[in-house]
Amino acid sequence: MKEMQHYDLAVQKFHEKRAFKALPLEAWDMFAERYGKFCQGLEEVQALRDLAKRQHWGDTTFFESEILQKDHIVVVTDPQLHIVHASKNIFHMNGYHPSEIIGHTPKIFQGKGTSKSALTEIRAAISAKRPFEATIVNYRKDGSPYKCWIKGSPVKNATGEVVNFVAFEREVA
């Protein structure tokens, strides 16, 4: 037993010198949830890196912080605005699984309460191949409305040709 006292004392001293402390048991649920979101974000970053490689994107640094730090939903379209990629977390915002919207245009989310003037501004920015930011009313799969903040931008390849548009989105109050 005497040997164990020395061990216990050594372990106690080791942990006292560390910046981190043990978490209470109820904190593990919160940690696990955040860790799960972070892992999902890493998967999303990898999926976008793969898409960027296939499409020869010139810049691939812009999306990591939007996903990992801001937890934004990502929708990528081709130049004709057909959705080619949507992040898995889009389901939590509007009830659509990514596979249900691939090939559609973002019009799938619009409805009677969607501002025509906001859509005109967005279309003008896309036509001019410049970034935009807007908050519009979109509609979930079940038909219920929600306010959606969107930050969109053209994505160019190494030669400067627009090959995709990417939108970072989140539901706002």
N, C-alpha and C. Protein backbone atom coordinates (compact mmCIF):
# COMPACT_ATOMS: atom_id res chain seq x y z
N MET A 1 0.80 -1.19 0.00
CA MET A 1 0.00 0.00 0.00
C MET A 1 0.85 1.26 0.00
N LYS A 2 2.01 1.17 0.63
CA LYS A 2 2.88 2.33 0.71
C LYS A 2 3.32 2.77 -0.70
N GLU A 3 3.54 1.79 -1.59
CA GLU A 3 3.94 2.12 -2.97
C GLU A 3 2.84 2.93 -3.68
N MET A 4 1.60 2.61 -3.42
CA MET A 4 0.49 3.31 -4.05
C MET A 4 0.37 4.75 -3.56
N GLN A 5 0.72 5.03 -2.33
CA GLN A 5 0.68 6.40 -1.80
C GLN A 5 1.63 7.28 -2.59
N HIS A 6 2.80 6.76 -2.91
CA HIS A 6 3.77 7.54 -3.68
C HIS A 6 3.25 7.78 -5.11
N TYR A 7 2.63 6.75 -5.65
CA TYR A 7 2.06 6.88 -6.98
C TYR A 7 0.96 7.94 -6.98
N ASP A 8 0.03 7.86 -6.03
CA ASP A 8 -1.06 8.83 -5.93
C ASP A 8 -0.54 10.25 -5.79
N LEU A 9 0.47 10.43 -4.98
CA LEU A 9 1.07 11.74 -4.77
C LEU A 9 1.72 12.24 -6.06
N ALA A 10 2.41 11.37 -6.76
CA ALA A 10 3.06 11.75 -8.02
C ALA A 10 2.02 12.16 -9.07
N VAL A 11 0.92 11.42 -9.16
CA VAL A 11 -0.14 11.75 -10.11
C VAL A 11 -0.78 13.08 -9.75
N GLN A 12 -1.02 13.30 -8.46
CA GLN A 12 -1.61 14.56 -8.01
C GLN A 12 -0.71 15.73 -8.38
N LYS A 13 0.59 15.62 -8.13
CA LYS A 13 1.54 16.69 -8.47
C LYS A 13 1.59 16.93 -9.98
N PHE A 14 1.54 15.83 -10.75
CA PHE A 14 1.56 15.95 -12.21
C PHE A 14 0.37 16.78 -12.70
N HIS A 15 -0.81 16.48 -12.21
CA HIS A 15 -2.01 17.17 -12.66
C HIS A 15 -2.10 18.61 -12.15
N GLU A 16 -1.51 18.89 -11.02
CA GLU A 16 -1.52 20.26 -10.49
C GLU A 16 -0.74 21.20 -11.39
N LYS A 17 0.26 20.70 -12.07
CA LYS A 17 1.12 21.52 -12.92
C LYS A 17 0.54 21.75 -14.32
N ARG A 18 -0.53 21.09 -14.66
CA ARG A 18 -1.12 21.19 -15.99
C ARG A 18 -2.12 22.33 -16.07
N ALA A 19 -2.22 22.93 -17.27
CA ALA A 19 -3.16 24.02 -17.49
C ALA A 19 -4.60 23.50 -17.55
N PHE A 20 -4.78 22.25 -17.97
CA PHE A 20 -6.12 21.70 -18.05
C PHE A 20 -6.45 20.96 -16.76
N LYS A 21 -7.70 20.99 -16.44
CA LYS A 21 -8.19 20.27 -15.26
C LYS A 21 -9.25 19.28 -15.73
N ALA A 22 -9.56 18.34 -14.89
CA ALA A 22 -10.60 17.37 -15.23
C ALA A 22 -11.94 18.07 -15.35
N LEU A 23 -12.75 17.59 -16.27
CA LEU A 23 -14.08 18.15 -16.48
C LEU A 23 -15.10 17.40 -15.64
N PRO A 24 -16.11 18.10 -15.14
CA PRO A 24 -17.18 17.38 -14.44
C PRO A 24 -17.92 16.49 -15.45
N LEU A 25 -18.52 15.44 -14.97
CA LEU A 25 -19.18 14.48 -15.86
C LEU A 25 -20.23 15.12 -16.75
N GLU A 26 -21.01 16.08 -16.24
CA GLU A 26 -22.05 16.68 -17.07
C GLU A 26 -21.47 17.49 -18.23
N ALA A 27 -20.20 17.88 -18.16
CA ALA A 27 -19.58 18.63 -19.24
C ALA A 27 -19.26 17.75 -20.44
N TRP A 28 -19.16 16.44 -20.24
CA TRP A 28 -18.80 15.56 -21.34
C TRP A 28 -19.87 15.54 -22.42
N ASP A 29 -21.14 15.67 -22.06
CA ASP A 29 -22.19 15.71 -23.08
C ASP A 29 -22.01 16.92 -23.99
N MET A 30 -21.73 18.07 -23.39
CA MET A 30 -21.52 19.28 -24.18
C MET A 30 -20.25 19.14 -25.02
N PHE A 31 -19.20 18.59 -24.43
CA PHE A 31 -17.95 18.40 -25.16
C PHE A 31 -18.17 17.46 -26.34
N ALA A 32 -18.87 16.35 -26.11
CA ALA A 32 -19.09 15.37 -27.16
C ALA A 32 -19.89 15.97 -28.31
N GLU A 33 -20.88 16.79 -28.00
CA GLU A 33 -21.68 17.43 -29.05
C GLU A 33 -20.81 18.37 -29.88
N ARG A 34 -20.01 19.19 -29.21
CA ARG A 34 -19.14 20.13 -29.93
C ARG A 34 -18.07 19.38 -30.72
N TYR A 35 -17.55 18.32 -30.13
CA TYR A 35 -16.54 17.51 -30.81
C TYR A 35 -17.14 16.88 -32.07
N GLY A 36 -18.38 16.40 -31.97
CA GLY A 36 -19.05 15.82 -33.13
C GLY A 36 -19.23 16.84 -34.24
N LYS A 37 -19.61 18.06 -33.88
CA LYS A 37 -19.75 19.13 -34.89
C LYS A 37 -18.40 19.46 -35.52
N PHE A 38 -17.35 19.47 -34.69
CA PHE A 38 -16.02 19.76 -35.21
C PHE A 38 -15.58 18.69 -36.19
N CYS A 39 -15.82 17.43 -35.86
CA CYS A 39 -15.46 16.33 -36.77
C CYS A 39 -16.24 16.43 -38.07
N GLN A 40 -17.52 16.77 -37.97
CA GLN A 40 -18.34 16.96 -39.17
C GLN A 40 -17.78 18.12 -40.00
N GLY A 41 -17.33 19.17 -39.33
CA GLY A 41 -16.71 20.29 -40.02
C GLY A 41 -15.45 19.88 -40.75
N LEU A 42 -14.64 19.04 -40.12
CA LEU A 42 -13.42 18.55 -40.77
C LEU A 42 -13.75 17.73 -42.01
N GLU A 43 -14.80 16.92 -41.92
CA GLU A 43 -15.25 16.15 -43.09
C GLU A 43 -15.68 17.09 -44.21
N GLU A 44 -16.38 18.16 -43.83
CA GLU A 44 -16.85 19.14 -44.82
C GLU A 44 -15.67 19.84 -45.49
N VAL A 45 -14.70 20.22 -44.68
CA VAL A 45 -13.50 20.87 -45.24
C VAL A 45 -12.82 19.94 -46.24
N GLN A 46 -12.70 18.66 -45.90
CA GLN A 46 -12.07 17.70 -46.81
C GLN A 46 -12.88 17.55 -48.08
N ALA A 47 -14.20 17.49 -47.96
CA ALA A 47 -15.06 17.38 -49.15
C ALA A 47 -14.87 18.59 -50.07
N LEU A 48 -14.77 19.78 -49.48
CA LEU A 48 -14.55 20.98 -50.29
C LEU A 48 -13.15 21.01 -50.88
N ARG A 49 -12.17 20.51 -50.15
CA ARG A 49 -10.81 20.41 -50.72
C ARG A 49 -10.82 19.50 -51.94
N ASP A 50 -11.54 18.38 -51.84
CA ASP A 50 -11.64 17.46 -52.97
C ASP A 50 -12.32 18.13 -54.16
N LEU A 51 -13.41 18.85 -53.90
CA LEU A 51 -14.10 19.57 -54.97
C LEU A 51 -13.19 20.63 -55.57
N ALA A 52 -12.48 21.35 -54.71
CA ALA A 52 -11.55 22.39 -55.18
C ALA A 52 -10.47 21.80 -56.08
N LYS A 53 -9.99 20.63 -55.71
CA LYS A 53 -8.96 19.97 -56.53
C LYS A 53 -9.51 19.57 -57.89
N ARG A 54 -10.73 19.00 -57.88
CA ARG A 54 -11.36 18.59 -59.16
C ARG A 54 -11.65 19.78 -60.06
N GLN A 55 -12.05 20.90 -59.46
CA GLN A 55 -12.42 22.09 -60.23
C GLN A 55 -11.25 23.05 -60.43
N HIS A 56 -10.10 22.72 -59.86
CA HIS A 56 -8.88 23.53 -60.00
C HIS A 56 -9.07 24.95 -59.44
N TRP A 57 -9.68 25.04 -58.24
CA TRP A 57 -9.86 26.34 -57.62
C TRP A 57 -8.51 26.99 -57.38
N GLY A 58 -8.44 28.29 -57.64
CA GLY A 58 -7.19 29.02 -57.41
C GLY A 58 -6.91 29.22 -55.93
N ASP A 59 -7.94 29.48 -55.13
CA ASP A 59 -7.78 29.74 -53.70
C ASP A 59 -8.66 28.76 -52.93
N THR A 60 -8.06 28.10 -51.94
CA THR A 60 -8.84 27.15 -51.15
C THR A 60 -8.79 27.47 -49.66
N THR A 61 -8.29 28.63 -49.31
CA THR A 61 -8.14 28.96 -47.89
C THR A 61 -9.37 29.64 -47.29
N PHE A 62 -10.25 30.14 -48.13
CA PHE A 62 -11.36 30.97 -47.65
C PHE A 62 -12.45 30.20 -46.92
N PHE A 63 -12.58 28.92 -47.14
CA PHE A 63 -13.74 28.23 -46.58
C PHE A 63 -13.49 27.56 -45.23
N GLU A 64 -12.25 27.35 -44.84
CA GLU A 64 -11.99 26.61 -43.61
C GLU A 64 -12.54 27.32 -42.37
N SER A 65 -12.29 28.61 -42.22
CA SER A 65 -12.78 29.30 -41.03
C SER A 65 -14.30 29.44 -41.05
N GLU A 66 -14.89 29.56 -42.24
CA GLU A 66 -16.35 29.65 -42.34
C GLU A 66 -17.01 28.38 -41.82
N ILE A 67 -16.35 27.25 -42.02
CA ILE A 67 -16.92 25.97 -41.60
C ILE A 67 -16.52 25.63 -40.17
N LEU A 68 -15.22 25.69 -39.88
CA LEU A 68 -14.74 25.22 -38.58
C LEU A 68 -14.99 26.20 -37.44
N GLN A 69 -14.89 27.49 -37.71
CA GLN A 69 -15.04 28.46 -36.64
C GLN A 69 -16.44 29.05 -36.58
N LYS A 70 -17.09 29.18 -37.72
CA LYS A 70 -18.40 29.84 -37.74
C LYS A 70 -19.56 28.87 -37.93
N ASP A 71 -19.23 27.60 -38.24
CA ASP A 71 -20.24 26.55 -38.38
C ASP A 71 -21.31 26.90 -39.41
N HIS A 72 -20.88 27.51 -40.52
CA HIS A 72 -21.83 27.87 -41.57
C HIS A 72 -22.16 26.68 -42.45
N ILE A 73 -23.31 26.75 -43.05
CA ILE A 73 -23.74 25.78 -44.04
C ILE A 73 -23.13 26.21 -45.37
N VAL A 74 -22.73 25.25 -46.17
CA VAL A 74 -22.08 25.54 -47.44
C VAL A 74 -22.91 24.98 -48.59
N VAL A 75 -23.15 25.83 -49.59
CA VAL A 75 -23.81 25.40 -50.82
C VAL A 75 -22.92 25.86 -51.97
N VAL A 76 -22.56 24.92 -52.84
CA VAL A 76 -21.71 25.23 -54.00
C VAL A 76 -22.51 24.93 -55.26
N THR A 77 -22.48 25.88 -56.20
CA THR A 77 -23.15 25.68 -57.48
C THR A 77 -22.13 25.71 -58.61
N ASP A 78 -22.55 25.21 -59.76
CA ASP A 78 -21.73 25.37 -60.96
C ASP A 78 -22.02 26.77 -61.52
N PRO A 79 -21.37 27.17 -62.60
CA PRO A 79 -21.61 28.52 -63.15
C PRO A 79 -23.06 28.77 -63.59
N GLN A 80 -23.80 27.70 -63.89
CA GLN A 80 -25.21 27.85 -64.28
C GLN A 80 -26.13 27.80 -63.06
N LEU A 81 -25.56 27.80 -61.86
CA LEU A 81 -26.25 27.84 -60.57
C LEU A 81 -26.96 26.54 -60.18
N HIS A 82 -26.55 25.43 -60.75
CA HIS A 82 -27.05 24.13 -60.30
C HIS A 82 -26.20 23.69 -59.11
N ILE A 83 -26.86 23.25 -58.06
CA ILE A 83 -26.14 22.87 -56.84
C ILE A 83 -25.34 21.60 -57.10
N VAL A 84 -24.03 21.68 -56.81
CA VAL A 84 -23.14 20.53 -56.98
C VAL A 84 -22.66 19.99 -55.64
N HIS A 85 -22.84 20.79 -54.58
CA HIS A 85 -22.43 20.34 -53.24
C HIS A 85 -23.21 21.12 -52.20
N ALA A 86 -23.62 20.41 -51.16
CA ALA A 86 -24.24 21.05 -49.99
C ALA A 86 -23.74 20.32 -48.76
N SER A 87 -23.43 21.08 -47.73
CA SER A 87 -22.94 20.46 -46.51
C SER A 87 -24.05 19.68 -45.81
N LYS A 88 -23.64 18.67 -45.06
CA LYS A 88 -24.60 17.80 -44.38
C LYS A 88 -25.47 18.56 -43.38
N ASN A 89 -24.91 19.62 -42.78
CA ASN A 89 -25.65 20.35 -41.75
C ASN A 89 -26.78 21.21 -42.33
N ILE A 90 -26.95 21.20 -43.63
CA ILE A 90 -28.07 21.94 -44.23
C ILE A 90 -29.40 21.34 -43.77
N PHE A 91 -29.40 20.06 -43.48
CA PHE A 91 -30.62 19.39 -43.03
C PHE A 91 -31.18 20.03 -41.76
N HIS A 92 -30.30 20.47 -40.87
CA HIS A 92 -30.74 21.07 -39.61
C HIS A 92 -31.39 22.43 -39.83
N MET A 93 -31.05 23.09 -40.93
CA MET A 93 -31.61 24.41 -41.20
C MET A 93 -32.94 24.31 -41.96
N ASN A 94 -32.98 23.43 -42.99
CA ASN A 94 -34.17 23.47 -43.83
C ASN A 94 -34.82 22.11 -44.11
N GLY A 95 -34.30 21.05 -43.53
CA GLY A 95 -34.94 19.75 -43.69
C GLY A 95 -34.58 19.00 -44.96
N TYR A 96 -33.76 19.57 -45.81
CA TYR A 96 -33.33 18.88 -47.03
C TYR A 96 -32.00 18.16 -46.76
N HIS A 97 -31.90 16.93 -47.24
CA HIS A 97 -30.62 16.24 -47.25
C HIS A 97 -29.86 16.72 -48.50
N PRO A 98 -28.55 16.78 -48.44
CA PRO A 98 -27.80 17.25 -49.61
C PRO A 98 -28.17 16.51 -50.91
N SER A 99 -28.39 15.21 -50.84
CA SER A 99 -28.71 14.45 -52.04
C SER A 99 -30.03 14.88 -52.68
N GLU A 100 -30.92 15.49 -51.90
CA GLU A 100 -32.21 15.93 -52.43
C GLU A 100 -32.12 17.22 -53.23
N ILE A 101 -31.05 17.98 -53.03
CA ILE A 101 -30.97 19.28 -53.70
C ILE A 101 -29.89 19.35 -54.77
N ILE A 102 -29.02 18.34 -54.83
CA ILE A 102 -27.99 18.32 -55.86
C ILE A 102 -28.68 18.32 -57.23
N GLY A 103 -28.21 19.20 -58.12
CA GLY A 103 -28.80 19.32 -59.46
C GLY A 103 -29.87 20.39 -59.56
N HIS A 104 -30.45 20.77 -58.43
CA HIS A 104 -31.44 21.85 -58.42
C HIS A 104 -30.73 23.20 -58.32
N THR A 105 -31.47 24.27 -58.55
CA THR A 105 -30.93 25.60 -58.32
C THR A 105 -31.40 26.06 -56.94
N PRO A 106 -30.80 27.10 -56.39
CA PRO A 106 -31.25 27.60 -55.08
C PRO A 106 -32.71 28.07 -55.05
N LYS A 107 -33.34 28.16 -56.19
CA LYS A 107 -34.77 28.52 -56.23
C LYS A 107 -35.61 27.51 -55.45
N ILE A 108 -35.08 26.31 -55.23
CA ILE A 108 -35.80 25.28 -54.49
C ILE A 108 -36.16 25.77 -53.08
N PHE A 109 -35.40 26.74 -52.55
CA PHE A 109 -35.62 27.25 -51.20
C PHE A 109 -36.53 28.48 -51.17
N GLN A 110 -36.88 29.03 -52.33
CA GLN A 110 -37.63 30.28 -52.38
C GLN A 110 -39.13 30.04 -52.42
N GLY A 111 -39.87 31.09 -52.06
CA GLY A 111 -41.32 31.00 -52.06
C GLY A 111 -41.94 32.38 -52.10
N LYS A 112 -43.22 32.44 -51.74
CA LYS A 112 -43.98 33.69 -51.88
C LYS A 112 -43.44 34.82 -51.01
N GLY A 113 -42.83 34.52 -49.89
CA GLY A 113 -42.30 35.57 -49.01
C GLY A 113 -40.88 35.98 -49.30
N THR A 114 -40.26 35.38 -50.30
CA THR A 114 -38.88 35.72 -50.66
C THR A 114 -38.88 37.05 -51.41
N SER A 115 -38.09 37.99 -50.94
CA SER A 115 -38.04 39.33 -51.51
C SER A 115 -37.53 39.32 -52.94
N LYS A 116 -38.34 39.85 -53.84
CA LYS A 116 -37.94 39.94 -55.26
C LYS A 116 -36.79 40.92 -55.44
N SER A 117 -36.79 42.00 -54.67
CA SER A 117 -35.70 42.98 -54.82
C SER A 117 -34.38 42.39 -54.33
N ALA A 118 -34.41 41.61 -53.25
CA ALA A 118 -33.18 40.96 -52.77
C ALA A 118 -32.67 39.96 -53.80
N LEU A 119 -33.58 39.22 -54.41
CA LEU A 119 -33.19 38.26 -55.44
C LEU A 119 -32.59 38.97 -56.65
N THR A 120 -33.14 40.14 -57.00
CA THR A 120 -32.61 40.92 -58.12
C THR A 120 -31.17 41.37 -57.82
N GLU A 121 -30.93 41.81 -56.59
CA GLU A 121 -29.58 42.22 -56.18
C GLU A 121 -28.61 41.04 -56.23
N ILE A 122 -29.06 39.89 -55.75
CA ILE A 122 -28.21 38.70 -55.77
C ILE A 122 -27.89 38.30 -57.20
N ARG A 123 -28.91 38.29 -58.06
CA ARG A 123 -28.69 37.93 -59.48
C ARG A 123 -27.72 38.89 -60.15
N ALA A 124 -27.84 40.19 -59.83
CA ALA A 124 -26.92 41.18 -60.41
C ALA A 124 -25.49 40.90 -59.98
N ALA A 125 -25.29 40.57 -58.71
CA ALA A 125 -23.94 40.27 -58.22
C ALA A 125 -23.39 39.01 -58.90
N ILE A 126 -24.23 38.01 -59.05
CA ILE A 126 -23.78 36.77 -59.71
C ILE A 126 -23.45 37.04 -61.16
N SER A 127 -24.27 37.81 -61.85
CA SER A 127 -23.99 38.14 -63.25
C SER A 127 -22.70 38.92 -63.40
N ALA A 128 -22.44 39.80 -62.44
CA ALA A 128 -21.20 40.60 -62.47
C ALA A 128 -20.02 39.82 -61.89
N LYS A 129 -20.28 38.60 -61.42
CA LYS A 129 -19.24 37.74 -60.84
C LYS A 129 -18.53 38.42 -59.69
N ARG A 130 -19.35 38.97 -58.78
CA ARG A 130 -18.79 39.61 -57.59
C ARG A 130 -19.47 39.06 -56.34
N PRO A 131 -18.83 39.18 -55.20
CA PRO A 131 -19.42 38.68 -53.95
C PRO A 131 -20.69 39.44 -53.56
N PHE A 132 -21.51 38.81 -52.75
CA PHE A 132 -22.72 39.45 -52.25
C PHE A 132 -23.01 38.94 -50.84
N GLU A 133 -23.85 39.70 -50.15
CA GLU A 133 -24.32 39.30 -48.84
C GLU A 133 -25.76 39.77 -48.70
N ALA A 134 -26.63 38.90 -48.25
CA ALA A 134 -28.05 39.25 -48.13
C ALA A 134 -28.72 38.36 -47.09
N THR A 135 -29.83 38.84 -46.58
CA THR A 135 -30.70 38.04 -45.72
C THR A 135 -32.05 37.97 -46.41
N ILE A 136 -32.50 36.75 -46.68
CA ILE A 136 -33.76 36.57 -47.39
C ILE A 136 -34.62 35.53 -46.66
N VAL A 137 -35.89 35.53 -47.00
CA VAL A 137 -36.79 34.50 -46.48
C VAL A 137 -36.70 33.31 -47.42
N ASN A 138 -36.32 32.17 -46.87
CA ASN A 138 -36.31 30.91 -47.60
C ASN A 138 -37.36 30.00 -46.98
N TYR A 139 -37.55 28.84 -47.60
CA TYR A 139 -38.55 27.90 -47.12
C TYR A 139 -37.95 26.52 -46.91
N ARG A 140 -38.33 25.93 -45.79
CA ARG A 140 -37.90 24.57 -45.47
C ARG A 140 -38.65 23.57 -46.35
N LYS A 141 -38.20 22.35 -46.27
CA LYS A 141 -38.85 21.27 -47.03
C LYS A 141 -40.32 21.13 -46.64
N ASP A 142 -40.64 21.38 -45.37
CA ASP A 142 -42.02 21.27 -44.92
C ASP A 142 -42.86 22.51 -45.26
N GLY A 143 -42.26 23.51 -45.93
CA GLY A 143 -42.98 24.70 -46.35
C GLY A 143 -42.93 25.86 -45.38
N SER A 144 -42.36 25.68 -44.21
CA SER A 144 -42.28 26.76 -43.23
C SER A 144 -41.15 27.73 -43.59
N PRO A 145 -41.39 29.03 -43.40
CA PRO A 145 -40.37 30.03 -43.75
C PRO A 145 -39.30 30.18 -42.67
N TYR A 146 -38.15 30.63 -43.08
CA TYR A 146 -37.07 30.99 -42.15
C TYR A 146 -36.22 32.07 -42.80
N LYS A 147 -35.59 32.90 -41.97
CA LYS A 147 -34.69 33.93 -42.50
C LYS A 147 -33.31 33.32 -42.66
N CYS A 148 -32.74 33.53 -43.82
CA CYS A 148 -31.45 32.94 -44.15
C CYS A 148 -30.46 34.03 -44.54
N TRP A 149 -29.37 34.11 -43.78
CA TRP A 149 -28.27 35.00 -44.13
C TRP A 149 -27.39 34.24 -45.10
N ILE A 150 -27.02 34.89 -46.20
CA ILE A 150 -26.21 34.26 -47.25
C ILE A 150 -25.03 35.17 -47.58
N LYS A 151 -23.85 34.59 -47.62
CA LYS A 151 -22.66 35.30 -48.11
C LYS A 151 -22.13 34.47 -49.27
N GLY A 152 -22.31 35.00 -50.48
CA GLY A 152 -21.93 34.27 -51.68
C GLY A 152 -20.75 34.90 -52.39
N SER A 153 -20.06 34.06 -53.15
CA SER A 153 -18.88 34.54 -53.85
C SER A 153 -18.56 33.63 -55.03
N PRO A 154 -18.08 34.21 -56.14
CA PRO A 154 -17.62 33.36 -57.24
C PRO A 154 -16.28 32.71 -56.86
N VAL A 155 -16.05 31.54 -57.40
CA VAL A 155 -14.78 30.84 -57.17
C VAL A 155 -14.13 30.66 -58.53
N LYS A 156 -12.90 31.12 -58.62
CA LYS A 156 -12.17 31.06 -59.90
C LYS A 156 -11.10 29.98 -59.86
N ASN A 157 -10.80 29.47 -61.04
CA ASN A 157 -9.71 28.51 -61.13
C ASN A 157 -8.39 29.28 -61.27
N ALA A 158 -7.32 28.57 -61.46
CA ALA A 158 -5.99 29.19 -61.51
C ALA A 158 -5.84 30.16 -62.68
N THR A 159 -6.64 30.01 -63.74
CA THR A 159 -6.55 30.91 -64.89
C THR A 159 -7.53 32.08 -64.80
N GLY A 160 -8.30 32.15 -63.71
CA GLY A 160 -9.21 33.28 -63.50
C GLY A 160 -10.63 33.07 -63.99
N GLU A 161 -10.94 31.88 -64.47
CA GLU A 161 -12.28 31.57 -64.96
C GLU A 161 -13.17 31.16 -63.78
N VAL A 162 -14.40 31.70 -63.73
CA VAL A 162 -15.33 31.31 -62.67
C VAL A 162 -15.81 29.88 -62.94
N VAL A 163 -15.53 29.00 -61.98
CA VAL A 163 -15.90 27.59 -62.14
C VAL A 163 -17.01 27.17 -61.18
N ASN A 164 -17.21 27.94 -60.11
CA ASN A 164 -18.25 27.65 -59.13
C ASN A 164 -18.66 28.93 -58.43
N PHE A 165 -19.78 28.86 -57.74
CA PHE A 165 -20.17 29.88 -56.77
C PHE A 165 -20.33 29.16 -55.44
N VAL A 166 -19.87 29.79 -54.39
CA VAL A 166 -20.01 29.20 -53.06
C VAL A 166 -20.80 30.16 -52.19
N ALA A 167 -21.71 29.60 -51.41
CA ALA A 167 -22.51 30.41 -50.48
C ALA A 167 -22.38 29.81 -49.08
N PHE A 168 -22.09 30.68 -48.13
CA PHE A 168 -22.07 30.31 -46.72
C PHE A 168 -23.37 30.84 -46.14
N GLU A 169 -24.09 30.00 -45.42
CA GLU A 169 -25.42 30.35 -44.97
C GLU A 169 -25.62 29.99 -43.50
N ARG A 170 -26.58 30.67 -42.89
CA ARG A 170 -27.04 30.30 -41.55
C ARG A 170 -28.42 30.92 -41.34
N GLU A 171 -29.18 30.26 -40.49
CA GLU A 171 -30.50 30.78 -40.14
C GLU A 171 -30.31 31.89 -39.13
N VAL A 172 -31.05 33.00 -39.32
CA VAL A 172 -30.98 34.13 -38.41
C VAL A 172 -32.37 34.46 -37.90
N ALA A 173 -32.40 35.16 -36.77
CA ALA A 173 -33.69 35.54 -36.19
C ALA A 173 -34.25 36.78 -36.83
